[in-house]
Amino acid sequence: MTNDFSSVNSIEAFLAELDAAPYPFYQQDAAQKLLDAIASLKTLSTSADCKERLMYRLQYHLVRLEQLQ
């Protein structure tokens, strides 16, 4: 799983990994990586629509993770 969240593409790649991952996979550092991706997204220079779409997907996975614990 990626740790580099310096671009929109890297965040999208991380989300693709999460989309494809089985539920137990979430319990391995996923929460911190989601929070890191959210923090990085806030600093990226991209359109508001793009940020909103990615933020929604990141928050979806964060909620999904919380439901599993």
PDB file of N, CA and C in Angstrom:
ATOM      1  N   MET A   1       0.850  -1.175   0.000  1.00  0.00           N
ATOM      2  CA  MET A   1       0.000   0.000   0.000  1.00  0.00           C
ATOM      3  C   MET A   1       0.896   1.239   0.000  1.00  0.00           C
ATOM      4  N   THR A   2       0.496   2.201  -0.779  1.00  0.00           N
ATOM      5  CA  THR A   2       1.308   3.397  -0.948  1.00  0.00           C
ATOM      6  C   THR A   2       1.343   4.274   0.304  1.00  0.00           C
ATOM      7  N   ASN A   3       2.446   4.987   0.463  1.00  0.00           N
ATOM      8  CA  ASN A   3       2.596   5.957   1.551  1.00  0.00           C
ATOM      9  C   ASN A   3       2.793   7.361   1.002  1.00  0.00           C
ATOM     10  N   ASP A   4       2.879   7.479  -0.318  1.00  0.00           N
ATOM     11  CA  ASP A   4       3.137   8.768  -0.957  1.00  0.00           C
ATOM     12  C   ASP A   4       1.805   9.384  -1.373  1.00  0.00           C
ATOM     13  N   PHE A   5       1.479  10.513  -0.771  1.00  0.00           N
ATOM     14  CA  PHE A   5       0.223  11.184  -1.083  1.00  0.00           C
ATOM     15  C   PHE A   5       0.508  12.599  -1.587  1.00  0.00           C
ATOM     16  N   SER A   6       1.531  12.731  -2.414  1.00  0.00           N
ATOM     17  CA  SER A   6       1.966  14.047  -2.871  1.00  0.00           C
ATOM     18  C   SER A   6       1.258  14.527  -4.130  1.00  0.00           C
ATOM     19  N   SER A   7       0.376  13.695  -4.671  1.00  0.00           N
ATOM     20  CA  SER A   7      -0.341  14.100  -5.878  1.00  0.00           C
ATOM     21  C   SER A   7      -1.732  13.464  -5.894  1.00  0.00           C
ATOM     22  N   VAL A   8      -2.576  14.023  -6.740  1.00  0.00           N
ATOM     23  CA  VAL A   8      -3.918  13.455  -6.904  1.00  0.00           C
ATOM     24  C   VAL A   8      -3.808  12.017  -7.392  1.00  0.00           C
ATOM     25  N   ASN A   9      -2.888  11.764  -8.316  1.00  0.00           N
ATOM     26  CA  ASN A   9      -2.719  10.407  -8.842  1.00  0.00           C
ATOM     27  C   ASN A   9      -2.336   9.412  -7.758  1.00  0.00           C
ATOM     28  N   SER A  10      -1.475   9.815  -6.833  1.00  0.00           N
ATOM     29  CA  SER A  10      -1.060   8.891  -5.773  1.00  0.00           C
ATOM     30  C   SER A  10      -2.220   8.609  -4.811  1.00  0.00           C
ATOM     31  N   ILE A  11      -3.044   9.607  -4.549  1.00  0.00           N
ATOM     32  CA  ILE A  11      -4.212   9.389  -3.688  1.00  0.00           C
ATOM     33  C   ILE A  11      -5.217   8.488  -4.396  1.00  0.00           C
ATOM     34  N   GLU A  12      -5.410   8.700  -5.700  1.00  0.00           N
ATOM     35  CA  GLU A  12      -6.316   7.836  -6.460  1.00  0.00           C
ATOM     36  C   GLU A  12      -5.801   6.396  -6.498  1.00  0.00           C
ATOM     37  N   ALA A  13      -4.492   6.217  -6.603  1.00  0.00           N
ATOM     38  CA  ALA A  13      -3.917   4.875  -6.588  1.00  0.00           C
ATOM     39  C   ALA A  13      -4.152   4.204  -5.229  1.00  0.00           C
ATOM     40  N   PHE A  14      -3.990   4.963  -4.160  1.00  0.00           N
ATOM     41  CA  PHE A  14      -4.247   4.452  -2.810  1.00  0.00           C
ATOM     42  C   PHE A  14      -5.713   4.036  -2.673  1.00  0.00           C
ATOM     43  N   LEU A  15      -6.617   4.865  -3.176  1.00  0.00           N
ATOM     44  CA  LEU A  15      -8.040   4.532  -3.110  1.00  0.00           C
ATOM     45  C   LEU A  15      -8.353   3.280  -3.926  1.00  0.00           C
ATOM     46  N   ALA A  16      -7.706   3.115  -5.056  1.00  0.00           N
ATOM     47  CA  ALA A  16      -7.902   1.910  -5.865  1.00  0.00           C
ATOM     48  C   ALA A  16      -7.447   0.667  -5.102  1.00  0.00           C
ATOM     49  N   GLU A  17      -6.344   0.798  -4.364  1.00  0.00           N
ATOM     50  CA  GLU A  17      -5.873  -0.319  -3.537  1.00  0.00           C
ATOM     51  C   GLU A  17      -6.904  -0.657  -2.462  1.00  0.00           C
ATOM     52  N   LEU A  18      -7.467   0.365  -1.834  1.00  0.00           N
ATOM     53  CA  LEU A  18      -8.471   0.133  -0.797  1.00  0.00           C
ATOM     54  C   LEU A  18      -9.737  -0.480  -1.371  1.00  0.00           C
ATOM     55  N   ASP A  19     -10.148   0.009  -2.541  1.00  0.00           N
ATOM     56  CA  ASP A  19     -11.344  -0.529  -3.191  1.00  0.00           C
ATOM     57  C   ASP A  19     -11.207  -2.022  -3.470  1.00  0.00           C
ATOM     58  N   ALA A  20      -9.997  -2.443  -3.794  1.00  0.00           N
ATOM     59  CA  ALA A  20      -9.751  -3.837  -4.152  1.00  0.00           C
ATOM     60  C   ALA A  20      -9.405  -4.721  -2.957  1.00  0.00           C
ATOM     61  N   ALA A  21      -9.132  -4.117  -1.815  1.00  0.00           N
ATOM     62  CA  ALA A  21      -8.660  -4.875  -0.649  1.00  0.00           C
ATOM     63  C   ALA A  21      -9.812  -5.565   0.081  1.00  0.00           C
ATOM     64  N   PRO A  22      -9.560  -6.784   0.553  1.00  0.00           N
ATOM     65  CA  PRO A  22     -10.564  -7.437   1.404  1.00  0.00           C
ATOM     66  C   PRO A  22     -10.637  -6.739   2.764  1.00  0.00           C
ATOM     67  N   TYR A  23     -11.759  -6.876   3.425  1.00  0.00           N
ATOM     68  CA  TYR A  23     -11.966  -6.174   4.693  1.00  0.00           C
ATOM     69  C   TYR A  23     -10.870  -6.384   5.735  1.00  0.00           C
ATOM     70  N   PRO A  24     -10.354  -7.582   5.953  1.00  0.00           N
ATOM     71  CA  PRO A  24      -9.322  -7.730   6.993  1.00  0.00           C
ATOM     72  C   PRO A  24      -8.082  -6.890   6.730  1.00  0.00           C
ATOM     73  N   PHE A  25      -7.832  -6.580   5.472  1.00  0.00           N
ATOM     74  CA  PHE A  25      -6.667  -5.788   5.102  1.00  0.00           C
ATOM     75  C   PHE A  25      -6.697  -4.421   5.771  1.00  0.00           C
ATOM     76  N   TYR A  26      -7.895  -3.931   6.040  1.00  0.00           N
ATOM     77  CA  TYR A  26      -8.050  -2.607   6.616  1.00  0.00           C
ATOM     78  C   TYR A  26      -7.395  -2.462   7.979  1.00  0.00           C
ATOM     79  N   GLN A  27      -7.173  -3.509   8.663  1.00  0.00           N
ATOM     80  CA  GLN A  27      -6.669  -3.407  10.018  1.00  0.00           C
ATOM     81  C   GLN A  27      -5.157  -3.235  10.063  1.00  0.00           C
ATOM     82  N   GLN A  28      -4.505  -3.096   8.928  1.00  0.00           N
ATOM     83  CA  GLN A  28      -3.052  -2.950   8.872  1.00  0.00           C
ATOM     84  C   GLN A  28      -2.678  -1.530   8.449  1.00  0.00           C
ATOM     85  N   ASP A  29      -2.604  -0.624   9.385  1.00  0.00           N
ATOM     86  CA  ASP A  29      -2.156   0.754   9.157  1.00  0.00           C
ATOM     87  C   ASP A  29      -3.077   1.591   8.275  1.00  0.00           C
ATOM     88  N   ALA A  30      -4.233   1.083   7.931  1.00  0.00           N
ATOM     89  CA  ALA A  30      -5.104   1.810   7.010  1.00  0.00           C
ATOM     90  C   ALA A  30      -5.607   3.120   7.604  1.00  0.00           C
ATOM     91  N   ALA A  31      -5.947   3.135   8.872  1.00  0.00           N
ATOM     92  CA  ALA A  31      -6.492   4.357   9.475  1.00  0.00           C
ATOM     93  C   ALA A  31      -5.490   5.500   9.394  1.00  0.00           C
ATOM     94  N   GLN A  32      -4.248   5.250   9.757  1.00  0.00           N
ATOM     95  CA  GLN A  32      -3.240   6.311   9.709  1.00  0.00           C
ATOM     96  C   GLN A  32      -2.986   6.759   8.279  1.00  0.00           C
ATOM     97  N   LYS A  33      -2.955   5.822   7.355  1.00  0.00           N
ATOM     98  CA  LYS A  33      -2.723   6.186   5.956  1.00  0.00           C
ATOM     99  C   LYS A  33      -3.890   6.999   5.403  1.00  0.00           C
ATOM    100  N   LEU A  34      -5.104   6.664   5.804  1.00  0.00           N
ATOM    101  CA  LEU A  34      -6.261   7.459   5.385  1.00  0.00           C
ATOM    102  C   LEU A  34      -6.164   8.881   5.921  1.00  0.00           C
ATOM    103  N   LEU A  35      -5.794   9.008   7.186  1.00  0.00           N
ATOM    104  CA  LEU A  35      -5.644  10.341   7.772  1.00  0.00           C
ATOM    105  C   LEU A  35      -4.517  11.124   7.097  1.00  0.00           C
ATOM    106  N   ASP A  36      -3.433  10.440   6.766  1.00  0.00           N
ATOM    107  CA  ASP A  36      -2.325  11.088   6.052  1.00  0.00           C
ATOM    108  C   ASP A  36      -2.767  11.553   4.671  1.00  0.00           C
ATOM    109  N   ALA A  37      -3.533  10.712   3.978  1.00  0.00           N
ATOM    110  CA  ALA A  37      -4.020  11.076   2.645  1.00  0.00           C
ATOM    111  C   ALA A  37      -4.963  12.272   2.720  1.00  0.00           C
ATOM    112  N   ILE A  38      -5.824  12.302   3.732  1.00  0.00           N
ATOM    113  CA  ILE A  38      -6.746  13.432   3.916  1.00  0.00           C
ATOM    114  C   ILE A  38      -5.966  14.717   4.171  1.00  0.00           C
ATOM    115  N   ALA A  39      -4.969  14.643   5.036  1.00  0.00           N
ATOM    116  CA  ALA A  39      -4.149  15.821   5.329  1.00  0.00           C
ATOM    117  C   ALA A  39      -3.417  16.300   4.083  1.00  0.00           C
ATOM    118  N   SER A  40      -2.884  15.388   3.309  1.00  0.00           N
ATOM    119  CA  SER A  40      -2.175  15.760   2.086  1.00  0.00           C
ATOM    120  C   SER A  40      -3.122  16.360   1.056  1.00  0.00           C
ATOM    121  N   LEU A  41      -4.302  15.787   0.941  1.00  0.00           N
ATOM    122  CA  LEU A  41      -5.281  16.281  -0.024  1.00  0.00           C
ATOM    123  C   LEU A  41      -5.615  17.744   0.244  1.00  0.00           C
ATOM    124  N   LYS A  42      -5.700  18.099   1.499  1.00  0.00           N
ATOM    125  CA  LYS A  42      -6.032  19.487   1.856  1.00  0.00           C
ATOM    126  C   LYS A  42      -4.980  20.476   1.368  1.00  0.00           C
ATOM    127  N   THR A  43      -3.744  20.024   1.168  1.00  0.00           N
ATOM    128  CA  THR A  43      -2.665  20.917   0.755  1.00  0.00           C
ATOM    129  C   THR A  43      -2.397  20.890  -0.748  1.00  0.00           C
ATOM    130  N   LEU A  44      -2.990  19.959  -1.463  1.00  0.00           N
ATOM    131  CA  LEU A  44      -2.729  19.848  -2.898  1.00  0.00           C
ATOM    132  C   LEU A  44      -3.406  20.962  -3.674  1.00  0.00           C
ATOM    133  N   SER A  45      -2.769  21.341  -4.747  1.00  0.00           N
ATOM    134  CA  SER A  45      -3.318  22.357  -5.635  1.00  0.00           C
ATOM    135  C   SER A  45      -4.099  21.652  -6.734  1.00  0.00           C
ATOM    136  N   THR A  46      -5.404  21.566  -6.550  1.00  0.00           N
ATOM    137  CA  THR A  46      -6.290  20.937  -7.532  1.00  0.00           C
ATOM    138  C   THR A  46      -7.664  21.562  -7.406  1.00  0.00           C
ATOM    139  N   SER A  47      -8.550  21.228  -8.288  1.00  0.00           N
ATOM    140  CA  SER A  47      -9.874  21.856  -8.283  1.00  0.00           C
ATOM    141  C   SER A  47     -10.673  21.439  -7.042  1.00  0.00           C
ATOM    142  N   ALA A  48     -11.616  22.281  -6.696  1.00  0.00           N
ATOM    143  CA  ALA A  48     -12.472  21.992  -5.543  1.00  0.00           C
ATOM    144  C   ALA A  48     -13.289  20.731  -5.790  1.00  0.00           C
ATOM    145  N   ASP A  49     -13.738  20.536  -7.019  1.00  0.00           N
ATOM    146  CA  ASP A  49     -14.517  19.339  -7.345  1.00  0.00           C
ATOM    147  C   ASP A  49     -13.692  18.072  -7.153  1.00  0.00           C
ATOM    148  N   CYS A  50     -12.450  18.123  -7.587  1.00  0.00           N
ATOM    149  CA  CYS A  50     -11.562  16.977  -7.441  1.00  0.00           C
ATOM    150  C   CYS A  50     -11.313  16.693  -5.961  1.00  0.00           C
ATOM    151  N   LYS A  51     -11.024  17.733  -5.195  1.00  0.00           N
ATOM    152  CA  LYS A  51     -10.796  17.554  -3.759  1.00  0.00           C
ATOM    153  C   LYS A  51     -12.032  16.987  -3.082  1.00  0.00           C
ATOM    154  N   GLU A  52     -13.193  17.486  -3.440  1.00  0.00           N
ATOM    155  CA  GLU A  52     -14.434  17.015  -2.825  1.00  0.00           C
ATOM    156  C   GLU A  52     -14.674  15.537  -3.144  1.00  0.00           C
ATOM    157  N   ARG A  53     -14.445  15.156  -4.382  1.00  0.00           N
ATOM    158  CA  ARG A  53     -14.646  13.762  -4.795  1.00  0.00           C
ATOM    159  C   ARG A  53     -13.684  12.828  -4.054  1.00  0.00           C
ATOM    160  N   LEU A  54     -12.417  13.220  -3.988  1.00  0.00           N
ATOM    161  CA  LEU A  54     -11.434  12.381  -3.295  1.00  0.00           C
ATOM    162  C   LEU A  54     -11.688  12.350  -1.791  1.00  0.00           C
ATOM    163  N   MET A  55     -12.066  13.486  -1.218  1.00  0.00           N
ATOM    164  CA  MET A  55     -12.353  13.539   0.217  1.00  0.00           C
ATOM    165  C   MET A  55     -13.519  12.619   0.556  1.00  0.00           C
ATOM    166  N   TYR A  56     -14.537  12.618  -0.281  1.00  0.00           N
ATOM    167  CA  TYR A  56     -15.687  11.740  -0.057  1.00  0.00           C
ATOM    168  C   TYR A  56     -15.239  10.283  -0.037  1.00  0.00           C
ATOM    169  N   ARG A  57     -14.420   9.903  -0.992  1.00  0.00           N
ATOM    170  CA  ARG A  57     -13.963   8.507  -1.064  1.00  0.00           C
ATOM    171  C   ARG A  57     -13.065   8.147   0.116  1.00  0.00           C
ATOM    172  N   LEU A  58     -12.188   9.061   0.518  1.00  0.00           N
ATOM    173  CA  LEU A  58     -11.326   8.801   1.675  1.00  0.00           C
ATOM    174  C   LEU A  58     -12.154   8.657   2.950  1.00  0.00           C
ATOM    175  N   GLN A  59     -13.127   9.535   3.124  1.00  0.00           N
ATOM    176  CA  GLN A  59     -13.984   9.473   4.307  1.00  0.00           C
ATOM    177  C   GLN A  59     -14.840   8.213   4.294  1.00  0.00           C
ATOM    178  N   TYR A  60     -15.280   7.787   3.127  1.00  0.00           N
ATOM    179  CA  TYR A  60     -16.037   6.539   3.012  1.00  0.00           C
ATOM    180  C   TYR A  60     -15.210   5.378   3.564  1.00  0.00           C
ATOM    181  N   HIS A  61     -13.961   5.304   3.158  1.00  0.00           N
ATOM    182  CA  HIS A  61     -13.106   4.209   3.628  1.00  0.00           C
ATOM    183  C   HIS A  61     -12.800   4.338   5.118  1.00  0.00           C
ATOM    184  N   LEU A  62     -12.692   5.543   5.615  1.00  0.00           N
ATOM    185  CA  LEU A  62     -12.459   5.739   7.041  1.00  0.00           C
ATOM    186  C   LEU A  62     -13.663   5.257   7.850  1.00  0.00           C
ATOM    187  N   VAL A  63     -14.859   5.580   7.405  1.00  0.00           N
ATOM    188  CA  VAL A  63     -16.077   5.112   8.076  1.00  0.00           C
ATOM    189  C   VAL A  63     -16.166   3.592   7.994  1.00  0.00           C
ATOM    190  N   ARG A  64     -15.854   3.054   6.848  1.00  0.00           N
ATOM    191  CA  ARG A  64     -15.884   1.593   6.660  1.00  0.00           C
ATOM    192  C   ARG A  64     -14.917   0.915   7.631  1.00  0.00           C
ATOM    193  N   LEU A  65     -13.763   1.502   7.794  1.00  0.00           N
ATOM    194  CA  LEU A  65     -12.775   0.962   8.730  1.00  0.00           C
ATOM    195  C   LEU A  65     -13.296   1.028  10.165  1.00  0.00           C
ATOM    196  N   GLU A  66     -13.882   2.152  10.545  1.00  0.00           N
ATOM    197  CA  GLU A  66     -14.404   2.308  11.905  1.00  0.00           C
ATOM    198  C   GLU A  66     -15.510   1.290  12.193  1.00  0.00           C
ATOM    199  N   GLN A  67     -16.306   0.974  11.198  1.00  0.00           N
ATOM    200  CA  GLN A  67     -17.382   0.009  11.373  1.00  0.00           C
ATOM    201  C   GLN A  67     -16.849  -1.400  11.602  1.00  0.00           C
ATOM    202  N   LEU A  68     -15.662  -1.669  11.126  1.00  0.00           N
ATOM    203  CA  LEU A  68     -15.073  -2.997  11.282  1.00  0.00           C
ATOM    204  C   LEU A  68     -14.439  -3.201  12.647  1.00  0.00           C
ATOM    205  N   GLN A  69     -14.173  -2.112  13.345  1.00  0.00           N
ATOM    206  CA  GLN A  69     -13.485  -2.240  14.631  1.00  0.00           C
ATOM    207  C   GLN A  69     -14.454  -2.334  15.768  1.00  0.00           C
TER     208      GLN A  69
END
